[in-house]
Amino acid sequence: GLPQWFSCRFTPVKNPEAQFIGMLIIITDISAQKNLEINLRQSEERHRDLFENANDIIYIIDTDSKVIAMNRMAEQLLGFSETEMIGESSHHFFAPEKLAAAIEQGNAKREGLVAVTLYESEFISKSGQRIPVEISSRIIHKDGQPTGIHVTARDVSFQKKSQQELAKSEARFRFLSEYARDMVCLHRPNGDYIYVSSAAKPLLGYDPEELIGRSPYDFFHPED
């Protein structure tokens, strides 16, 4: 079974002549209180472990945007140690052109307009490296009053780079297809056109827009 905890109080007992004649012992079962303390400590340890070992930047600020705590990933990506940032403004993390929007998001939470915000921004590390991030932040309450903001920022550098590479690839494809003499087209699985190059006009007599969403079989000669 579960261990039991007791509190023991010992009080000396003396007679009218102030002579020691015994001991009064009061034993109180404090198992419920002790188990609650243990569960609370274990919960705090689990939360601390998740906080410290998260793959995202996590930091907590007070109502004046001063840093209260930050995790290892924040130290690693931003280049600031928790020790040097405690009590400093989290505004140091943001790119100058992104700061006003971040302050607006924070004010919306402090004023009770929203409880959680999700937005894109950009941090600048201690070394000057720009880090595009997706920020999710929520207000922290204690006794019904806002006491701070919990901020989670995900590094989206890889996603941003992938989007840029995709945009470049699409631009190259469009450039080549638009200036090619041959008609270049893309189809849905059922065969319908989703993209047709401008060569469709001299070859088929149709503007590309007229072909989008139609099947190429609509343009075959019946005998074929």
Protein backbone atom coordinates (compact mmCIF):
# COMPACT_ATOMS: atom_id res chain seq x y z
CA GLY A 1 0.00 0.00 0.00
CA LEU A 2 0.87 3.66 0.02
CA PRO A 3 3.24 4.91 2.74
CA GLN A 4 1.67 6.80 5.62
CA TRP A 5 3.08 10.02 7.03
CA PHE A 6 2.67 11.30 10.56
CA SER A 7 3.55 14.48 12.41
CA CYS A 8 4.68 14.00 16.01
CA ARG A 9 4.65 16.74 18.66
CA PHE A 10 6.37 16.14 21.98
CA THR A 11 5.47 18.28 25.00
CA PRO A 12 7.10 17.76 28.40
CA VAL A 13 4.69 17.30 31.33
CA LYS A 14 5.64 18.70 34.75
CA ASN A 15 3.98 18.62 38.14
CA PRO A 16 3.20 21.74 40.24
CA GLU A 17 6.72 21.57 41.64
CA ALA A 18 8.07 21.86 38.07
CA GLN A 19 9.35 18.32 38.13
CA PHE A 20 9.36 16.34 34.90
CA ILE A 21 6.84 13.53 35.17
CA GLY A 22 6.19 12.50 31.58
CA MET A 23 5.78 13.36 27.93
CA LEU A 24 2.63 14.30 26.01
CA ILE A 25 2.85 12.96 22.47
CA ILE A 26 0.40 14.07 19.75
CA ILE A 27 0.51 12.09 16.50
CA THR A 28 -1.31 13.49 13.46
CA ASP A 29 -1.85 11.65 10.17
CA ILE A 30 -0.56 13.99 7.43
CA SER A 31 -0.48 11.40 4.62
CA ALA A 32 -2.94 13.29 2.40
CA GLN A 33 -0.98 16.54 2.67
CA LYS A 34 2.37 14.80 2.16
CA ASN A 35 1.15 12.85 -0.88
CA LEU A 36 -0.22 16.07 -2.36
CA GLU A 37 3.21 17.70 -1.92
CA ILE A 38 4.92 14.71 -3.57
CA ASN A 39 2.51 14.72 -6.52
CA LEU A 40 2.97 18.46 -6.94
CA ARG A 41 6.76 18.12 -6.90
CA GLN A 42 6.65 15.28 -9.42
CA SER A 43 4.33 17.32 -11.67
CA GLU A 44 6.71 20.29 -11.49
CA GLU A 45 9.64 18.01 -12.35
CA ARG A 46 7.80 16.60 -15.40
CA HIS A 47 6.86 20.10 -16.53
CA ARG A 48 10.44 21.26 -16.08
CA ASP A 49 11.72 18.28 -18.10
CA LEU A 50 9.31 19.05 -20.96
CA PHE A 51 10.23 22.74 -20.76
CA GLU A 52 13.98 22.14 -20.85
CA ASN A 53 14.03 19.40 -23.49
CA ALA A 54 11.51 20.83 -25.95
CA ASN A 55 12.62 21.21 -29.56
CA ASP A 56 11.08 24.69 -29.71
CA ILE A 57 12.18 27.96 -28.17
CA ILE A 58 10.21 28.47 -24.96
CA TYR A 59 10.41 31.42 -22.62
CA ILE A 60 8.20 33.02 -19.99
CA ILE A 61 7.85 36.77 -19.47
CA ASP A 62 6.12 38.89 -16.85
CA THR A 63 3.50 41.54 -17.61
CA ASP A 64 6.29 44.03 -18.45
CA SER A 65 7.81 41.64 -21.04
CA LYS A 66 10.77 40.88 -18.78
CA VAL A 67 12.18 37.36 -19.11
CA ILE A 68 11.45 35.08 -16.14
CA ALA A 69 12.69 31.80 -17.62
CA MET A 70 13.90 30.34 -20.91
CA ASN A 71 14.74 26.79 -21.99
CA ARG A 72 17.88 25.24 -23.46
CA MET A 73 16.68 25.51 -27.05
CA ALA A 74 16.16 29.26 -26.57
CA GLU A 75 19.72 29.53 -25.30
CA GLN A 76 21.04 27.42 -28.17
CA LEU A 77 19.26 29.17 -31.05
CA LEU A 78 19.28 32.73 -29.71
CA GLY A 79 22.77 32.61 -28.23
CA PHE A 80 21.73 34.25 -24.94
CA SER A 81 22.10 32.39 -21.66
CA GLU A 82 19.16 32.34 -19.27
CA THR A 83 21.33 34.01 -16.64
CA GLU A 84 22.06 37.06 -18.79
CA MET A 85 18.44 37.40 -19.96
CA ILE A 86 16.59 37.07 -16.62
CA GLY A 87 15.03 40.46 -15.92
CA GLU A 88 15.82 41.73 -19.41
CA SER A 89 13.20 42.61 -22.03
CA SER A 90 12.19 39.89 -24.48
CA HIS A 91 12.05 42.65 -27.09
CA HIS A 92 15.78 42.00 -27.58
CA PHE A 93 14.85 38.78 -29.40
CA PHE A 94 12.83 40.39 -32.18
CA ALA A 95 13.96 41.86 -35.48
CA PRO A 96 13.33 45.64 -35.29
CA GLU A 97 10.74 45.61 -38.07
CA LYS A 98 8.83 42.79 -36.31
CA LEU A 99 8.77 44.26 -32.81
CA ALA A 100 5.68 46.49 -33.15
CA ALA A 101 3.52 43.55 -34.29
CA ALA A 102 4.82 41.41 -31.40
CA ILE A 103 4.01 44.15 -28.87
CA GLU A 104 0.50 44.43 -30.34
CA GLN A 105 0.00 40.67 -29.92
CA GLY A 106 1.16 40.85 -26.30
CA ASN A 107 -1.11 43.80 -25.50
CA ALA A 108 -4.12 41.95 -26.93
CA LYS A 109 -3.54 39.16 -24.42
CA ARG A 110 -2.86 41.48 -21.46
CA GLU A 111 -6.05 43.43 -22.17
CA GLY A 112 -8.09 40.23 -22.25
CA LEU A 113 -9.04 40.52 -25.92
CA VAL A 114 -7.62 37.06 -26.64
CA ALA A 115 -6.15 34.27 -24.51
CA VAL A 116 -3.86 32.76 -27.17
CA THR A 117 -2.20 34.20 -30.28
CA LEU A 118 -0.48 32.50 -33.21
CA TYR A 119 1.59 34.54 -35.63
CA GLU A 120 4.79 34.57 -37.67
CA SER A 121 7.73 36.75 -36.73
CA GLU A 122 11.52 36.86 -36.87
CA PHE A 123 14.14 36.69 -34.14
CA ILE A 124 17.72 37.92 -34.33
CA SER A 125 20.25 35.86 -32.40
CA LYS A 126 23.10 37.30 -30.37
CA SER A 127 25.40 36.64 -33.34
CA GLY A 128 23.07 38.53 -35.71
CA GLN A 129 21.51 35.52 -37.44
CA ARG A 130 17.89 35.97 -38.46
CA ILE A 131 15.55 33.15 -37.42
CA PRO A 132 12.03 33.03 -38.91
CA VAL A 133 9.65 31.70 -36.27
CA GLU A 134 6.02 30.77 -35.75
CA ILE A 135 4.99 32.01 -32.31
CA SER A 136 2.24 30.62 -30.13
CA SER A 137 1.76 32.44 -26.84
CA ARG A 138 -0.78 32.38 -24.04
CA ILE A 139 -1.50 34.45 -20.99
CA ILE A 140 -0.66 33.05 -17.54
CA HIS A 141 -3.11 33.71 -14.70
CA LYS A 142 -2.69 33.45 -10.94
CA ASP A 143 -5.64 34.04 -8.63
CA GLY A 144 -7.59 35.35 -11.61
CA GLN A 145 -5.02 37.99 -12.50
CA PRO A 146 -2.61 37.95 -15.49
CA THR A 147 0.94 37.43 -14.25
CA GLY A 148 2.85 36.76 -17.48
CA ILE A 149 2.94 35.19 -20.92
CA HIS A 150 4.14 31.72 -21.95
CA VAL A 151 5.80 31.93 -25.38
CA THR A 152 6.60 29.01 -27.69
CA ALA A 153 8.47 29.86 -30.90
CA ARG A 154 9.10 27.24 -33.58
CA ASP A 155 12.05 27.69 -35.91
CA VAL A 156 10.60 27.58 -39.44
CA SER A 157 13.85 28.27 -41.29
CA PHE A 158 13.70 24.94 -43.14
CA GLN A 159 10.06 25.47 -44.18
CA LYS A 160 10.79 29.00 -45.36
CA LYS A 161 13.79 27.82 -47.37
CA SER A 162 11.72 25.01 -48.90
CA GLN A 163 8.99 27.48 -49.87
CA GLN A 164 11.56 29.76 -51.51
CA GLU A 165 13.10 26.87 -53.43
CA LEU A 166 9.65 25.74 -54.55
CA ALA A 167 8.78 29.26 -55.70
CA LYS A 168 12.05 29.45 -57.67
CA SER A 169 11.39 26.04 -59.23
CA GLU A 170 7.86 27.05 -60.20
CA ALA A 171 9.12 30.31 -61.68
CA ARG A 172 11.74 28.47 -63.77
CA PHE A 173 9.14 25.97 -64.97
CA ARG A 174 6.71 28.74 -65.90
CA PHE A 175 9.42 30.71 -67.72
CA LEU A 176 10.53 27.69 -69.75
CA SER A 177 7.01 26.54 -70.54
CA GLU A 178 5.75 29.98 -71.53
CA TYR A 179 8.56 30.51 -74.02
CA ALA A 180 8.73 26.98 -75.39
CA ARG A 181 7.38 26.35 -78.90
CA ASP A 182 5.88 23.06 -77.77
CA MET A 183 2.75 23.07 -75.68
CA VAL A 184 3.48 22.23 -72.04
CA CYS A 185 0.61 21.13 -69.81
CA LEU A 186 -0.17 19.59 -66.43
CA HIS A 187 -3.13 17.31 -65.76
CA ARG A 188 -5.21 16.08 -62.85
CA PRO A 189 -5.35 12.29 -62.32
CA ASN A 190 -8.55 12.18 -64.39
CA GLY A 191 -6.77 13.94 -67.27
CA ASP A 192 -8.27 17.43 -66.95
CA TYR A 193 -5.92 20.33 -67.64
CA ILE A 194 -4.69 22.31 -64.61
CA TYR A 195 -1.99 24.23 -66.48
CA VAL A 196 -1.48 24.94 -70.17
CA SER A 197 1.33 27.01 -71.66
CA SER A 198 0.79 29.87 -74.07
CA ALA A 199 1.83 27.64 -77.02
CA ALA A 200 -1.72 26.29 -76.92
CA LYS A 201 -2.96 29.35 -78.85
CA PRO A 202 -0.90 28.91 -82.04
CA LEU A 203 -1.10 25.10 -81.90
CA LEU A 204 -4.77 24.56 -81.00
CA GLY A 205 -6.31 27.98 -81.43
CA TYR A 206 -7.44 28.10 -77.78
CA ASP A 207 -6.32 30.47 -75.08
CA PRO A 208 -4.80 28.50 -72.16
CA GLU A 209 -7.62 29.66 -69.87
CA GLU A 210 -10.19 28.01 -72.14
CA LEU A 211 -8.57 24.61 -71.61
CA ILE A 212 -8.26 24.68 -67.81
CA GLY A 213 -10.60 22.15 -66.22
CA ARG A 214 -11.38 20.41 -69.51
CA SER A 215 -10.31 17.00 -70.72
CA PRO A 216 -7.83 16.72 -73.63
CA TYR A 217 -10.18 14.10 -75.10
CA ASP A 218 -12.64 16.92 -75.81
CA PHE A 219 -10.24 18.12 -78.49
CA PHE A 220 -9.49 14.83 -80.23
CA HIS A 221 -10.91 14.27 -83.69
CA PRO A 222 -13.82 11.77 -83.41
CA GLU A 223 -12.07 9.38 -85.79
CA ASP A 224 -9.00 9.30 -83.55
